[in-house]
Amino acid sequence: MTEPVPFVIDTADNLNPQLFTPERDQVVVAVRITPVYGQVDLGLLATVVEQANANDFALAREQLFRDEWLLCVFEAFDED
């Protein structure tokens, strides 16, 4: 079995909180939003956004990809 790619999140178990580190200014991840064909589940997306916010990152942009993934760009909060 292969290791999960850290920037592709298809389950809450694949969410690595260390993605959002102070050394980064920006993090791009793909979050699965339709685990079952045709049914949108935003629970995983909410978990990812909450984890990012807890680490001082905000969702800056998003783009739907192939109807089942949401590409999300998180940016670090400005200190100003």
N, C-alpha and C. Protein backbone atom coordinates (compact mmCIF):
# COMPACT_ATOMS: atom_id res chain seq x y z
N MET A 1 0.85 -1.17 0.00
CA MET A 1 0.00 0.00 0.00
C MET A 1 0.89 1.24 0.00
N THR A 2 0.55 2.23 -0.80
CA THR A 2 1.35 3.44 -0.88
C THR A 2 0.95 4.43 0.19
N GLU A 3 1.90 5.27 0.55
CA GLU A 3 1.64 6.33 1.53
C GLU A 3 0.73 7.39 0.92
N PRO A 4 -0.19 7.96 1.70
CA PRO A 4 -1.02 9.04 1.16
C PRO A 4 -0.19 10.28 0.87
N VAL A 5 -0.55 10.98 -0.18
CA VAL A 5 0.12 12.23 -0.53
C VAL A 5 -0.39 13.30 0.44
N PRO A 6 0.49 14.05 1.12
CA PRO A 6 0.05 14.96 2.16
C PRO A 6 -0.84 16.11 1.68
N PHE A 7 -0.74 16.49 0.42
CA PHE A 7 -1.51 17.63 -0.06
C PHE A 7 -2.79 17.21 -0.77
N VAL A 8 -3.12 15.92 -0.72
CA VAL A 8 -4.37 15.39 -1.25
C VAL A 8 -5.10 14.77 -0.08
N ILE A 9 -6.23 15.36 0.28
CA ILE A 9 -6.94 14.95 1.49
C ILE A 9 -8.29 14.36 1.09
N ASP A 10 -8.41 13.04 1.24
CA ASP A 10 -9.67 12.40 0.89
C ASP A 10 -10.41 11.86 2.11
N THR A 11 -9.76 11.83 3.26
CA THR A 11 -10.40 11.47 4.52
C THR A 11 -9.78 12.31 5.63
N ALA A 12 -10.47 12.39 6.75
CA ALA A 12 -9.93 13.15 7.88
C ALA A 12 -8.64 12.51 8.40
N ASP A 13 -8.49 11.21 8.21
CA ASP A 13 -7.27 10.53 8.65
C ASP A 13 -6.05 10.97 7.85
N ASN A 14 -6.26 11.44 6.62
CA ASN A 14 -5.16 11.88 5.77
C ASN A 14 -4.75 13.33 6.03
N LEU A 15 -5.47 14.02 6.88
CA LEU A 15 -5.16 15.42 7.18
C LEU A 15 -4.00 15.49 8.16
N ASN A 16 -2.89 15.98 7.69
CA ASN A 16 -1.71 16.13 8.53
C ASN A 16 -1.65 17.58 9.02
N PRO A 17 -1.82 17.83 10.32
CA PRO A 17 -1.81 19.21 10.83
C PRO A 17 -0.50 19.93 10.57
N GLN A 18 0.57 19.19 10.28
CA GLN A 18 1.86 19.82 10.03
C GLN A 18 1.95 20.44 8.64
N LEU A 19 0.89 20.31 7.84
CA LEU A 19 0.87 20.99 6.53
C LEU A 19 0.93 22.51 6.72
N PHE A 20 0.29 22.97 7.77
CA PHE A 20 0.17 24.40 8.02
C PHE A 20 1.22 24.83 9.06
N THR A 21 2.45 25.02 8.59
CA THR A 21 3.55 25.39 9.48
C THR A 21 3.89 26.86 9.32
N PRO A 22 4.47 27.47 10.35
CA PRO A 22 4.83 28.89 10.29
C PRO A 22 5.85 29.23 9.20
N GLU A 23 6.59 28.24 8.73
CA GLU A 23 7.60 28.49 7.70
C GLU A 23 6.97 28.74 6.33
N ARG A 24 5.73 28.37 6.17
CA ARG A 24 5.05 28.52 4.88
C ARG A 24 4.20 29.78 4.85
N ASP A 25 4.15 30.40 3.68
CA ASP A 25 3.25 31.53 3.48
C ASP A 25 1.96 31.10 2.82
N GLN A 26 2.03 29.96 2.12
CA GLN A 26 0.88 29.49 1.35
C GLN A 26 0.90 27.97 1.29
N VAL A 27 -0.30 27.38 1.34
CA VAL A 27 -0.44 25.92 1.24
C VAL A 27 -1.58 25.64 0.25
N VAL A 28 -1.33 24.75 -0.71
CA VAL A 28 -2.35 24.35 -1.68
C VAL A 28 -2.66 22.88 -1.44
N VAL A 29 -3.94 22.58 -1.25
CA VAL A 29 -4.36 21.20 -1.03
C VAL A 29 -5.58 20.88 -1.90
N ALA A 30 -5.76 19.60 -2.17
CA ALA A 30 -6.96 19.11 -2.84
C ALA A 30 -7.79 18.37 -1.80
N VAL A 31 -9.04 18.77 -1.65
CA VAL A 31 -9.93 18.17 -0.65
C VAL A 31 -11.09 17.49 -1.37
N ARG A 32 -11.31 16.24 -1.05
CA ARG A 32 -12.42 15.50 -1.69
C ARG A 32 -13.74 15.96 -1.09
N ILE A 33 -14.66 16.40 -1.95
CA ILE A 33 -15.95 16.89 -1.46
C ILE A 33 -17.12 15.99 -1.84
N THR A 34 -16.87 15.00 -2.69
CA THR A 34 -17.94 14.04 -3.04
C THR A 34 -17.43 12.62 -2.86
N PRO A 35 -17.41 12.13 -1.62
CA PRO A 35 -16.93 10.77 -1.37
C PRO A 35 -17.83 9.71 -2.01
N VAL A 36 -19.11 10.03 -2.15
CA VAL A 36 -20.07 9.16 -2.83
C VAL A 36 -20.57 9.93 -4.04
N TYR A 37 -20.52 9.33 -5.20
CA TYR A 37 -20.86 10.01 -6.44
C TYR A 37 -22.17 10.78 -6.32
N GLY A 38 -22.10 12.06 -6.62
CA GLY A 38 -23.29 12.90 -6.66
C GLY A 38 -23.73 13.47 -5.32
N GLN A 39 -23.08 13.10 -4.22
CA GLN A 39 -23.45 13.62 -2.91
C GLN A 39 -22.33 14.49 -2.36
N VAL A 40 -22.60 15.76 -2.24
CA VAL A 40 -21.58 16.69 -1.73
C VAL A 40 -21.54 16.58 -0.21
N ASP A 41 -20.33 16.40 0.32
CA ASP A 41 -20.11 16.33 1.76
C ASP A 41 -19.06 17.37 2.11
N LEU A 42 -19.47 18.43 2.78
CA LEU A 42 -18.55 19.50 3.12
C LEU A 42 -17.93 19.34 4.50
N GLY A 43 -18.20 18.24 5.16
CA GLY A 43 -17.64 17.99 6.49
C GLY A 43 -16.12 17.93 6.48
N LEU A 44 -15.54 17.25 5.51
CA LEU A 44 -14.09 17.16 5.43
C LEU A 44 -13.49 18.53 5.12
N LEU A 45 -14.12 19.27 4.23
CA LEU A 45 -13.64 20.61 3.91
C LEU A 45 -13.66 21.49 5.16
N ALA A 46 -14.73 21.41 5.94
CA ALA A 46 -14.82 22.20 7.17
C ALA A 46 -13.71 21.82 8.15
N THR A 47 -13.38 20.55 8.23
CA THR A 47 -12.30 20.09 9.10
C THR A 47 -10.96 20.66 8.66
N VAL A 48 -10.70 20.66 7.35
CA VAL A 48 -9.45 21.20 6.82
C VAL A 48 -9.37 22.71 7.09
N VAL A 49 -10.46 23.43 6.85
CA VAL A 49 -10.47 24.88 7.08
C VAL A 49 -10.26 25.18 8.57
N GLU A 50 -10.89 24.42 9.45
CA GLU A 50 -10.71 24.63 10.89
C GLU A 50 -9.26 24.40 11.30
N GLN A 51 -8.63 23.34 10.76
CA GLN A 51 -7.23 23.05 11.07
C GLN A 51 -6.33 24.18 10.58
N ALA A 52 -6.61 24.66 9.38
CA ALA A 52 -5.82 25.77 8.82
C ALA A 52 -5.98 27.02 9.68
N ASN A 53 -7.21 27.35 10.05
CA ASN A 53 -7.45 28.53 10.88
C ASN A 53 -6.77 28.43 12.24
N ALA A 54 -6.75 27.23 12.80
CA ALA A 54 -6.09 27.02 14.10
C ALA A 54 -4.59 27.26 14.00
N ASN A 55 -4.05 27.12 12.78
CA ASN A 55 -2.62 27.34 12.57
C ASN A 55 -2.34 28.66 11.85
N ASP A 56 -3.28 29.60 11.96
CA ASP A 56 -3.13 30.95 11.42
C ASP A 56 -3.06 31.01 9.90
N PHE A 57 -3.82 30.17 9.22
CA PHE A 57 -3.97 30.21 7.77
C PHE A 57 -5.43 30.45 7.43
N ALA A 58 -5.68 31.19 6.38
CA ALA A 58 -7.04 31.47 5.93
C ALA A 58 -7.23 30.95 4.51
N LEU A 59 -8.43 30.51 4.21
CA LEU A 59 -8.76 30.07 2.87
C LEU A 59 -8.82 31.30 1.98
N ALA A 60 -7.94 31.38 1.00
CA ALA A 60 -7.87 32.55 0.13
C ALA A 60 -8.61 32.34 -1.19
N ARG A 61 -8.47 31.15 -1.77
CA ARG A 61 -9.10 30.84 -3.05
C ARG A 61 -9.43 29.36 -3.12
N GLU A 62 -10.41 29.05 -3.95
CA GLU A 62 -10.74 27.65 -4.18
C GLU A 62 -11.21 27.48 -5.62
N GLN A 63 -11.07 26.26 -6.13
CA GLN A 63 -11.47 25.96 -7.51
C GLN A 63 -11.93 24.51 -7.57
N LEU A 64 -13.10 24.28 -8.12
CA LEU A 64 -13.61 22.93 -8.28
C LEU A 64 -12.78 22.19 -9.32
N PHE A 65 -12.47 20.93 -9.05
CA PHE A 65 -11.68 20.11 -9.96
C PHE A 65 -12.37 18.76 -10.13
N ARG A 66 -12.82 18.46 -11.34
CA ARG A 66 -13.44 17.18 -11.69
C ARG A 66 -14.65 16.82 -10.83
N ASP A 67 -15.41 17.76 -10.42
CA ASP A 67 -16.66 17.56 -9.68
C ASP A 67 -16.54 16.83 -8.35
N GLU A 68 -15.35 16.38 -7.98
CA GLU A 68 -15.23 15.67 -6.71
C GLU A 68 -14.13 16.23 -5.81
N TRP A 69 -13.34 17.13 -6.33
CA TRP A 69 -12.24 17.71 -5.56
C TRP A 69 -12.37 19.23 -5.54
N LEU A 70 -11.96 19.82 -4.45
CA LEU A 70 -11.88 21.27 -4.36
C LEU A 70 -10.43 21.62 -4.09
N LEU A 71 -9.82 22.34 -5.02
CA LEU A 71 -8.45 22.80 -4.82
C LEU A 71 -8.52 24.06 -3.98
N CYS A 72 -7.81 24.06 -2.87
CA CYS A 72 -7.88 25.17 -1.90
C CYS A 72 -6.50 25.78 -1.70
N VAL A 73 -6.46 27.09 -1.73
CA VAL A 73 -5.24 27.84 -1.46
C VAL A 73 -5.42 28.52 -0.11
N PHE A 74 -4.56 28.17 0.82
CA PHE A 74 -4.58 28.79 2.15
C PHE A 74 -3.37 29.71 2.27
N GLU A 75 -3.58 30.89 2.81
CA GLU A 75 -2.48 31.83 3.01
C GLU A 75 -2.36 32.16 4.49
N ALA A 76 -1.11 32.35 4.91
CA ALA A 76 -0.84 32.69 6.31
C ALA A 76 -1.42 34.06 6.61
N PHE A 77 -1.93 34.20 7.84
CA PHE A 77 -2.44 35.51 8.27
C PHE A 77 -1.30 36.50 8.28
N ASP A 78 -1.57 37.73 7.87
CA ASP A 78 -0.58 38.80 7.97
C ASP A 78 -0.41 39.19 9.42
N GLU A 79 0.82 39.47 9.81
CA GLU A 79 1.07 39.87 11.19
C GLU A 79 0.79 41.34 11.43
N ASP A 80 0.54 42.09 10.37
CA ASP A 80 0.27 43.54 10.52
C ASP A 80 -1.10 43.80 11.05
